[in-house]
Every structure is written in C-alpha cells, then in structure tokens.
N, C-alpha and C. Protein backbone atom coordinates (compact mmCIF):
# COMPACT_ATOMS: atom_id res chain seq x y z
N VAL A 1 34.16 -19.15 4.16
CA VAL A 1 33.01 -18.46 4.73
C VAL A 1 32.21 -19.43 5.60
N GLY A 2 32.05 -20.66 5.08
CA GLY A 2 31.32 -21.67 5.84
C GLY A 2 31.99 -21.99 7.16
N LEU A 3 33.31 -22.09 7.16
CA LEU A 3 34.04 -22.35 8.40
C LEU A 3 33.90 -21.20 9.39
N ALA A 4 33.96 -19.97 8.86
CA ALA A 4 33.80 -18.80 9.73
C ALA A 4 32.42 -18.82 10.39
N GLU A 5 31.40 -19.17 9.62
CA GLU A 5 30.05 -19.25 10.16
C GLU A 5 29.94 -20.38 11.18
N THR A 6 30.58 -21.52 10.87
CA THR A 6 30.52 -22.67 11.77
C THR A 6 31.12 -22.33 13.13
N PHE A 7 32.19 -21.58 13.13
CA PHE A 7 32.86 -21.26 14.38
C PHE A 7 32.37 -19.95 15.00
N GLY A 8 31.29 -19.38 14.48
CA GLY A 8 30.63 -18.25 15.11
C GLY A 8 31.29 -16.90 14.93
N LEU A 9 32.04 -16.71 13.86
CA LEU A 9 32.71 -15.43 13.64
C LEU A 9 31.70 -14.30 13.51
N LYS A 10 30.62 -14.55 12.81
CA LYS A 10 29.57 -13.54 12.65
C LYS A 10 28.99 -13.14 14.01
N ASN A 11 28.71 -14.14 14.85
CA ASN A 11 28.15 -13.85 16.17
C ASN A 11 29.12 -13.04 17.02
N GLN A 12 30.40 -13.36 16.94
CA GLN A 12 31.40 -12.61 17.69
C GLN A 12 31.50 -11.18 17.19
N ALA A 13 31.41 -10.99 15.89
CA ALA A 13 31.47 -9.65 15.31
C ALA A 13 30.28 -8.81 15.77
N VAL A 14 29.10 -9.41 15.76
CA VAL A 14 27.90 -8.71 16.22
C VAL A 14 28.02 -8.37 17.70
N ARG A 15 28.53 -9.29 18.50
CA ARG A 15 28.71 -9.05 19.94
C ARG A 15 29.68 -7.89 20.16
N LEU A 16 30.74 -7.83 19.36
CA LEU A 16 31.71 -6.74 19.47
C LEU A 16 31.03 -5.39 19.23
N ILE A 17 30.24 -5.30 18.19
CA ILE A 17 29.55 -4.04 17.88
C ILE A 17 28.56 -3.67 18.98
N ASN A 18 27.86 -4.64 19.52
CA ASN A 18 26.90 -4.37 20.59
C ASN A 18 27.59 -3.84 21.85
N ASN A 19 28.86 -4.16 22.05
CA ASN A 19 29.59 -3.69 23.22
C ASN A 19 30.17 -2.29 23.06
N VAL A 20 30.20 -1.78 21.84
CA VAL A 20 30.74 -0.44 21.60
C VAL A 20 29.60 0.56 21.77
N LYS A 21 29.72 1.39 22.76
CA LYS A 21 28.68 2.38 23.06
C LYS A 21 28.71 3.51 22.04
N GLY A 22 27.55 3.90 21.56
CA GLY A 22 27.43 5.03 20.65
C GLY A 22 27.77 4.73 19.20
N MET A 23 28.03 3.48 18.87
CA MET A 23 28.36 3.11 17.49
C MET A 23 27.07 3.12 16.68
N THR A 24 27.07 3.91 15.63
CA THR A 24 25.93 3.94 14.72
C THR A 24 26.31 3.18 13.45
N THR A 25 25.32 2.92 12.64
CA THR A 25 25.58 2.24 11.37
C THR A 25 26.51 3.08 10.51
N GLY A 26 26.22 4.37 10.40
CA GLY A 26 27.04 5.25 9.59
C GLY A 26 28.47 5.37 10.10
N SER A 27 28.64 5.47 11.41
CA SER A 27 30.00 5.58 11.94
C SER A 27 30.76 4.28 11.75
N PHE A 28 30.09 3.14 11.89
CA PHE A 28 30.75 1.86 11.65
C PHE A 28 31.16 1.74 10.18
N LEU A 29 30.25 2.10 9.28
CA LEU A 29 30.56 1.98 7.86
C LEU A 29 31.66 2.96 7.44
N THR A 30 31.70 4.13 8.05
CA THR A 30 32.78 5.08 7.78
C THR A 30 34.11 4.52 8.28
N LEU A 31 34.09 3.90 9.45
CA LEU A 31 35.29 3.25 9.97
C LEU A 31 35.74 2.13 9.03
N TYR A 32 34.80 1.34 8.54
CA TYR A 32 35.15 0.27 7.60
C TYR A 32 35.74 0.85 6.31
N LEU A 33 35.15 1.92 5.81
CA LEU A 33 35.68 2.56 4.61
C LEU A 33 37.11 3.04 4.84
N PHE A 34 37.37 3.62 6.00
CA PHE A 34 38.72 4.07 6.33
C PHE A 34 39.68 2.89 6.32
N LEU A 35 39.28 1.79 6.96
CA LEU A 35 40.15 0.61 6.99
C LEU A 35 40.34 0.03 5.59
N ARG A 36 39.30 0.08 4.77
CA ARG A 36 39.38 -0.44 3.41
C ARG A 36 40.33 0.41 2.57
N GLU A 37 40.26 1.72 2.72
CA GLU A 37 41.17 2.60 1.99
C GLU A 37 42.60 2.47 2.50
N LEU A 38 42.76 2.34 3.81
CA LEU A 38 44.09 2.15 4.38
C LEU A 38 44.70 0.84 3.88
N ALA A 39 43.89 -0.19 3.82
CA ALA A 39 44.37 -1.48 3.30
C ALA A 39 44.80 -1.34 1.83
N GLY A 40 44.03 -0.59 1.06
CA GLY A 40 44.41 -0.35 -0.34
C GLY A 40 45.72 0.42 -0.44
N PHE A 41 45.90 1.41 0.42
CA PHE A 41 47.13 2.20 0.44
C PHE A 41 48.34 1.33 0.77
N LEU A 42 48.12 0.34 1.64
CA LEU A 42 49.21 -0.56 2.04
C LEU A 42 49.27 -1.82 1.19
N SER A 43 48.42 -1.89 0.18
CA SER A 43 48.32 -3.04 -0.72
C SER A 43 47.99 -4.33 0.02
N ILE A 44 47.12 -4.22 1.01
CA ILE A 44 46.60 -5.39 1.71
C ILE A 44 45.23 -5.66 1.13
N ARG A 45 45.06 -6.81 0.56
CA ARG A 45 43.79 -7.14 -0.10
C ARG A 45 42.81 -7.74 0.89
N ILE A 46 41.69 -7.05 1.06
CA ILE A 46 40.55 -7.59 1.81
C ILE A 46 39.63 -8.17 0.76
N VAL A 47 39.30 -9.42 0.88
CA VAL A 47 38.78 -10.20 -0.21
C VAL A 47 37.55 -9.68 -0.92
N GLY A 48 36.54 -9.22 -0.29
CA GLY A 48 35.39 -8.70 -1.03
C GLY A 48 34.05 -9.07 -0.43
N HIS A 49 33.04 -8.96 -1.27
CA HIS A 49 31.66 -9.11 -0.80
C HIS A 49 31.35 -10.49 -0.22
N PRO A 50 31.51 -11.57 -0.97
CA PRO A 50 31.08 -12.86 -0.43
C PRO A 50 31.93 -13.33 0.75
N GLN A 51 33.21 -12.97 0.76
CA GLN A 51 34.09 -13.46 1.80
C GLN A 51 34.18 -12.56 3.02
N PHE A 52 33.87 -11.29 2.88
CA PHE A 52 34.09 -10.36 3.99
C PHE A 52 32.87 -9.51 4.31
N VAL A 53 32.28 -8.89 3.31
CA VAL A 53 31.18 -7.97 3.57
C VAL A 53 29.94 -8.70 4.06
N ARG A 54 29.51 -9.70 3.32
CA ARG A 54 28.27 -10.40 3.66
C ARG A 54 28.33 -11.11 5.01
N PRO A 55 29.42 -11.84 5.32
CA PRO A 55 29.42 -12.53 6.61
C PRO A 55 29.83 -11.66 7.80
N LEU A 56 30.52 -10.53 7.58
CA LEU A 56 31.01 -9.75 8.71
C LEU A 56 30.53 -8.30 8.74
N VAL A 57 30.82 -7.55 7.70
CA VAL A 57 30.56 -6.11 7.71
C VAL A 57 29.07 -5.82 7.79
N GLN A 58 28.29 -6.45 6.93
CA GLN A 58 26.85 -6.18 6.91
C GLN A 58 26.18 -6.57 8.24
N PRO A 59 26.46 -7.75 8.84
CA PRO A 59 25.85 -8.03 10.14
C PRO A 59 26.29 -7.07 11.25
N MET A 60 27.54 -6.60 11.17
CA MET A 60 28.01 -5.64 12.17
C MET A 60 27.30 -4.30 12.00
N ALA A 61 27.11 -3.86 10.77
CA ALA A 61 26.39 -2.61 10.52
C ALA A 61 24.94 -2.73 10.97
N GLU A 62 24.34 -3.87 10.70
CA GLU A 62 22.96 -4.11 11.14
C GLU A 62 22.87 -4.14 12.66
N ALA A 63 23.85 -4.75 13.32
CA ALA A 63 23.87 -4.79 14.78
C ALA A 63 23.98 -3.39 15.37
N ALA A 64 24.75 -2.52 14.72
CA ALA A 64 24.85 -1.13 15.18
C ALA A 64 23.50 -0.44 15.08
N ALA A 65 22.78 -0.70 14.00
CA ALA A 65 21.45 -0.10 13.82
C ALA A 65 20.48 -0.61 14.87
N ILE A 66 20.51 -1.90 15.13
CA ILE A 66 19.59 -2.49 16.11
C ILE A 66 19.91 -2.02 17.52
N SER A 67 21.21 -1.93 17.86
CA SER A 67 21.56 -1.49 19.21
C SER A 67 21.19 -0.04 19.45
N LYS A 68 21.17 0.77 18.40
CA LYS A 68 20.80 2.18 18.57
C LYS A 68 19.30 2.42 18.45
N ASN A 69 18.64 1.69 17.53
CA ASN A 69 17.24 2.00 17.22
C ASN A 69 16.24 0.92 17.64
N GLY A 70 16.70 -0.18 18.17
CA GLY A 70 15.79 -1.29 18.45
C GLY A 70 15.57 -2.07 17.17
N GLU A 71 14.48 -2.77 17.10
CA GLU A 71 14.20 -3.59 15.92
C GLU A 71 14.03 -2.72 14.68
N ILE A 72 14.58 -3.17 13.56
CA ILE A 72 14.48 -2.41 12.30
C ILE A 72 13.72 -3.23 11.28
N ASP A 73 13.11 -2.55 10.32
CA ASP A 73 12.31 -3.24 9.32
C ASP A 73 13.17 -3.80 8.18
N ASP A 74 12.54 -4.58 7.32
CA ASP A 74 13.26 -5.23 6.22
C ASP A 74 13.82 -4.23 5.22
N ALA A 75 13.11 -3.15 4.99
CA ALA A 75 13.60 -2.14 4.04
C ALA A 75 14.90 -1.51 4.55
N THR A 76 14.97 -1.25 5.85
CA THR A 76 16.19 -0.70 6.43
C THR A 76 17.32 -1.72 6.37
N LYS A 77 17.01 -2.98 6.60
CA LYS A 77 18.03 -4.03 6.49
C LYS A 77 18.61 -4.08 5.08
N GLU A 78 17.75 -3.93 4.09
CA GLU A 78 18.23 -3.93 2.70
C GLU A 78 19.10 -2.70 2.42
N GLU A 79 18.72 -1.54 2.98
CA GLU A 79 19.54 -0.33 2.80
C GLU A 79 20.92 -0.52 3.44
N ILE A 80 20.94 -1.14 4.62
CA ILE A 80 22.21 -1.39 5.30
C ILE A 80 23.06 -2.36 4.50
N LYS A 81 22.42 -3.36 3.92
CA LYS A 81 23.14 -4.31 3.08
C LYS A 81 23.78 -3.58 1.89
N ALA A 82 23.02 -2.69 1.28
CA ALA A 82 23.53 -1.93 0.13
C ALA A 82 24.65 -0.98 0.56
N GLN A 83 24.48 -0.31 1.69
CA GLN A 83 25.52 0.60 2.20
C GLN A 83 26.81 -0.16 2.49
N SER A 84 26.69 -1.34 3.06
CA SER A 84 27.87 -2.14 3.39
C SER A 84 28.63 -2.52 2.12
N ALA A 85 27.90 -2.95 1.10
CA ALA A 85 28.53 -3.31 -0.17
C ALA A 85 29.16 -2.07 -0.82
N ALA A 86 28.47 -0.94 -0.71
CA ALA A 86 29.00 0.29 -1.31
C ALA A 86 30.31 0.71 -0.65
N MET A 87 30.41 0.57 0.67
CA MET A 87 31.65 0.95 1.36
C MET A 87 32.82 0.11 0.84
N ASP A 88 32.57 -1.18 0.62
CA ASP A 88 33.62 -2.04 0.09
C ASP A 88 34.02 -1.59 -1.31
N ASN A 89 33.04 -1.29 -2.13
CA ASN A 89 33.32 -0.84 -3.50
C ASN A 89 34.06 0.49 -3.51
N PHE A 90 33.58 1.45 -2.72
CA PHE A 90 34.23 2.76 -2.68
C PHE A 90 35.67 2.65 -2.19
N GLY A 91 35.86 1.92 -1.10
CA GLY A 91 37.19 1.77 -0.54
C GLY A 91 38.15 1.12 -1.51
N ASN A 92 37.68 0.09 -2.19
CA ASN A 92 38.54 -0.60 -3.15
C ASN A 92 38.79 0.27 -4.38
N PHE A 93 37.75 0.83 -4.93
CA PHE A 93 37.88 1.58 -6.19
C PHE A 93 38.74 2.82 -6.03
N TYR A 94 38.46 3.63 -5.03
CA TYR A 94 39.15 4.91 -4.92
C TYR A 94 40.54 4.81 -4.29
N ALA A 95 40.84 3.71 -3.61
CA ALA A 95 42.15 3.61 -2.97
C ALA A 95 43.07 2.60 -3.63
N GLN A 96 42.59 1.90 -4.64
CA GLN A 96 43.41 0.84 -5.22
C GLN A 96 44.68 1.36 -5.90
N ASN A 97 44.67 2.56 -6.39
CA ASN A 97 45.85 3.09 -7.08
C ASN A 97 46.71 3.98 -6.19
N THR A 98 46.44 3.99 -4.90
CA THR A 98 47.27 4.78 -3.99
C THR A 98 48.56 4.06 -3.61
N PHE A 99 48.65 2.77 -3.94
CA PHE A 99 49.87 2.00 -3.70
C PHE A 99 50.70 2.00 -4.97
N VAL A 100 51.96 2.36 -4.86
CA VAL A 100 52.82 2.57 -6.02
C VAL A 100 52.94 1.31 -6.88
N ALA A 101 53.02 0.16 -6.27
CA ALA A 101 53.27 -1.07 -7.04
C ALA A 101 52.01 -1.88 -7.31
N SER A 102 50.84 -1.27 -7.18
CA SER A 102 49.62 -2.01 -7.49
C SER A 102 49.51 -2.19 -9.01
N ALA A 103 48.80 -3.21 -9.41
CA ALA A 103 48.68 -3.51 -10.83
C ALA A 103 48.07 -2.35 -11.61
N GLY A 104 47.05 -1.71 -11.05
CA GLY A 104 46.40 -0.59 -11.74
C GLY A 104 47.33 0.59 -11.91
N THR A 105 48.09 0.90 -10.87
CA THR A 105 49.03 2.02 -10.95
C THR A 105 50.10 1.75 -12.00
N LEU A 106 50.63 0.54 -12.00
CA LEU A 106 51.66 0.19 -12.98
C LEU A 106 51.10 0.17 -14.40
N LEU A 107 49.86 -0.29 -14.54
CA LEU A 107 49.23 -0.30 -15.86
C LEU A 107 49.04 1.12 -16.39
N ILE A 108 48.55 2.01 -15.55
CA ILE A 108 48.35 3.40 -15.96
C ILE A 108 49.68 4.04 -16.34
N ALA A 109 50.68 3.87 -15.48
CA ALA A 109 52.00 4.46 -15.75
C ALA A 109 52.60 3.87 -17.03
N GLY A 110 52.49 2.56 -17.21
CA GLY A 110 53.03 1.92 -18.41
C GLY A 110 52.33 2.36 -19.68
N THR A 111 51.02 2.47 -19.61
CA THR A 111 50.26 2.90 -20.79
C THR A 111 50.60 4.34 -21.16
N LEU A 112 50.64 5.21 -20.16
CA LEU A 112 50.98 6.60 -20.45
C LEU A 112 52.41 6.72 -20.98
N ASP A 113 53.31 5.92 -20.42
CA ASP A 113 54.69 5.93 -20.89
C ASP A 113 54.78 5.47 -22.35
N SER A 114 54.02 4.44 -22.70
CA SER A 114 54.04 3.94 -24.08
C SER A 114 53.43 4.94 -25.06
N LEU A 115 52.62 5.85 -24.56
CA LEU A 115 52.02 6.89 -25.41
C LEU A 115 52.88 8.15 -25.46
N GLY A 116 54.03 8.10 -24.80
CA GLY A 116 54.95 9.23 -24.87
C GLY A 116 54.88 10.19 -23.70
N TYR A 117 54.10 9.92 -22.69
CA TYR A 117 54.02 10.78 -21.51
C TYR A 117 54.98 10.25 -20.46
N GLU A 118 55.77 11.12 -19.92
CA GLU A 118 56.72 10.70 -18.89
C GLU A 118 56.02 10.72 -17.53
N VAL A 119 55.44 9.59 -17.19
CA VAL A 119 54.72 9.45 -15.92
C VAL A 119 55.26 8.23 -15.20
N MET A 120 55.61 8.40 -13.95
CA MET A 120 56.08 7.27 -13.14
C MET A 120 54.94 6.79 -12.25
N ALA A 121 55.04 5.58 -11.76
CA ALA A 121 54.01 5.01 -10.91
C ALA A 121 53.77 5.85 -9.66
N ILE A 122 54.84 6.44 -9.13
CA ILE A 122 54.69 7.30 -7.95
C ILE A 122 53.81 8.50 -8.24
N ASP A 123 53.88 9.01 -9.46
CA ASP A 123 53.04 10.15 -9.85
C ASP A 123 51.57 9.75 -9.87
N VAL A 124 51.29 8.56 -10.38
CA VAL A 124 49.90 8.07 -10.42
C VAL A 124 49.39 7.87 -9.00
N ALA A 125 50.22 7.27 -8.15
CA ALA A 125 49.81 7.05 -6.76
C ALA A 125 49.59 8.37 -6.04
N ARG A 126 50.48 9.32 -6.27
CA ARG A 126 50.35 10.64 -5.64
C ARG A 126 49.06 11.34 -6.08
N ALA A 127 48.71 11.19 -7.34
CA ALA A 127 47.49 11.81 -7.85
C ALA A 127 46.24 11.09 -7.34
N SER A 128 46.37 9.83 -6.98
CA SER A 128 45.23 9.04 -6.51
C SER A 128 44.89 9.31 -5.05
N ILE A 129 45.85 9.76 -4.28
CA ILE A 129 45.62 9.99 -2.85
C ILE A 129 44.56 11.06 -2.59
N PRO A 130 44.62 12.24 -3.24
CA PRO A 130 43.55 13.22 -2.99
C PRO A 130 42.17 12.70 -3.38
N VAL A 131 42.11 11.90 -4.43
CA VAL A 131 40.83 11.33 -4.86
C VAL A 131 40.29 10.41 -3.77
N ALA A 132 41.15 9.58 -3.19
CA ALA A 132 40.73 8.68 -2.12
C ALA A 132 40.26 9.47 -0.89
N ILE A 133 40.95 10.56 -0.59
CA ILE A 133 40.57 11.39 0.56
C ILE A 133 39.22 12.06 0.31
N ILE A 134 39.04 12.60 -0.86
CA ILE A 134 37.76 13.24 -1.20
C ILE A 134 36.62 12.22 -1.16
N ALA A 135 36.86 11.04 -1.70
CA ALA A 135 35.84 9.98 -1.66
C ALA A 135 35.51 9.62 -0.22
N PHE A 136 36.52 9.56 0.64
CA PHE A 136 36.28 9.25 2.05
C PHE A 136 35.41 10.32 2.71
N ILE A 137 35.75 11.58 2.49
CA ILE A 137 35.00 12.68 3.12
C ILE A 137 33.55 12.69 2.63
N LEU A 138 33.35 12.59 1.33
CA LEU A 138 31.98 12.59 0.79
C LEU A 138 31.18 11.40 1.30
N THR A 139 31.81 10.25 1.38
CA THR A 139 31.11 9.07 1.86
C THR A 139 30.83 9.16 3.35
N ALA A 140 31.73 9.75 4.12
CA ALA A 140 31.48 9.96 5.55
C ALA A 140 30.27 10.87 5.74
N VAL A 141 30.15 11.91 4.94
CA VAL A 141 28.99 12.79 5.01
C VAL A 141 27.72 12.01 4.64
N TYR A 142 27.82 11.20 3.62
CA TYR A 142 26.67 10.37 3.20
C TYR A 142 26.27 9.40 4.31
N ASN A 143 27.24 8.80 4.98
CA ASN A 143 26.93 7.89 6.09
C ASN A 143 26.30 8.63 7.26
N TYR A 144 26.77 9.85 7.51
CA TYR A 144 26.15 10.68 8.55
C TYR A 144 24.69 10.98 8.20
N ALA A 145 24.44 11.31 6.95
CA ALA A 145 23.07 11.56 6.51
C ALA A 145 22.21 10.30 6.63
N PHE A 146 22.81 9.15 6.36
CA PHE A 146 22.09 7.88 6.52
C PHE A 146 21.70 7.67 7.99
N ASP A 147 22.61 7.99 8.91
CA ASP A 147 22.29 7.90 10.34
C ASP A 147 21.15 8.85 10.70
N GLN A 148 21.19 10.07 10.18
CA GLN A 148 20.14 11.04 10.47
C GLN A 148 18.79 10.56 9.94
N LYS A 149 18.81 9.95 8.77
CA LYS A 149 17.58 9.39 8.19
C LYS A 149 17.01 8.30 9.10
N MET A 150 17.89 7.44 9.59
CA MET A 150 17.44 6.38 10.49
C MET A 150 16.94 6.96 11.82
N ASN A 151 17.60 8.01 12.31
CA ASN A 151 17.13 8.66 13.54
C ASN A 151 15.72 9.20 13.37
N ARG A 152 15.48 9.86 12.24
CA ARG A 152 14.13 10.39 11.99
C ARG A 152 13.11 9.26 11.90
N LYS A 153 13.49 8.20 11.25
CA LYS A 153 12.56 7.10 11.03
C LYS A 153 12.21 6.36 12.32
N TYR A 154 13.19 6.15 13.18
CA TYR A 154 12.97 5.31 14.36
C TYR A 154 12.82 6.08 15.66
N ARG A 155 13.23 7.31 15.72
CA ARG A 155 13.14 8.08 16.97
C ARG A 155 11.86 8.92 17.04
N LYS A 156 11.39 9.39 15.93
CA LYS A 156 10.29 10.35 15.97
C LYS A 156 9.00 9.73 15.44
N GLY A 157 8.76 8.51 15.81
CA GLY A 157 7.50 7.88 15.46
C GLY A 157 7.33 7.48 14.02
N GLY A 158 8.41 7.49 13.24
CA GLY A 158 8.31 7.09 11.84
C GLY A 158 7.99 5.63 11.67
N LYS A 159 8.44 4.80 12.61
CA LYS A 159 8.16 3.37 12.54
C LYS A 159 8.26 2.77 13.90
C-alpha cells in the first residue's frame, strides 16, 4: 500500500474518475460491486479493505462525488467511506460461493455430504448465483438512492 501511495496510484485513480463524464458515486460503486462479484465468480481474489478499498476504491468514489457535486462535507465523506467498504463486503460475501472450487463451496458440499445429503459443489455454486444477482440488484438500487440523496443535499440548497 505504501509503495502504491509513493508512486501515486491513488492520484492516478482519482484522475481517471475525474475524466469519466457523468460518473456518480453510486454508479462507480455499483461498477465496483459488479467487478467484485465477477472476480468472486472467477475465483480472483481482490485483497480487501486495507489493500484495495481504502487506497483506491474510496478515493475514486469520493472523486466521483466531488466532480459531480463540488466540495462535499465530512459527513458525506464518511458515508462514501462506509459505502465503499460495504461494496467490498457485499461483493465478497454474496459471490464467494459462485465458484465451484472455492473453499466455502467445497466446505458446504462436504459438510452436507457427510450428513447424508447428496450435494455436489456445482449445486452449491448454482444455488449461489441467484443470490449474488439479487444482492447486486438490491445494492444497485441502494447506490442509486444514495446518489439521489446526494443530489438533494448538494443541488437543491441542502448544503
């Protein structure tokens, strides 16, 4: 993380978001959630909060808010920080068992098999996919509502 900061990775990430026209905090976080779930489906591990969210995702989400709304207050920055962490948690939690050979999928299948239920890992993964999709849709709606809340706060004289 220190090396990434030293070489300006955070600054480059913020610059990238500032160059994308129409990117809102909610749309960026929904995109990140999609990538996080896709990575889980492909069993690609994105490291987590201290290594990825805090130095990259959260500053990019904040940059999207600033580019759309101008300067934002500390309370909004804290909400964005929480939303960024939540996207990482949701993406990891709901998509981790969508990969057939993930540890969680194998553990579930093995435990059920030892209890006498004929369940294969593919069955667990297949059952996890609709859950990941539903979580994505609900979270996308939540991110849209978060954008609307920020629009009301910063566009109509709220702050």
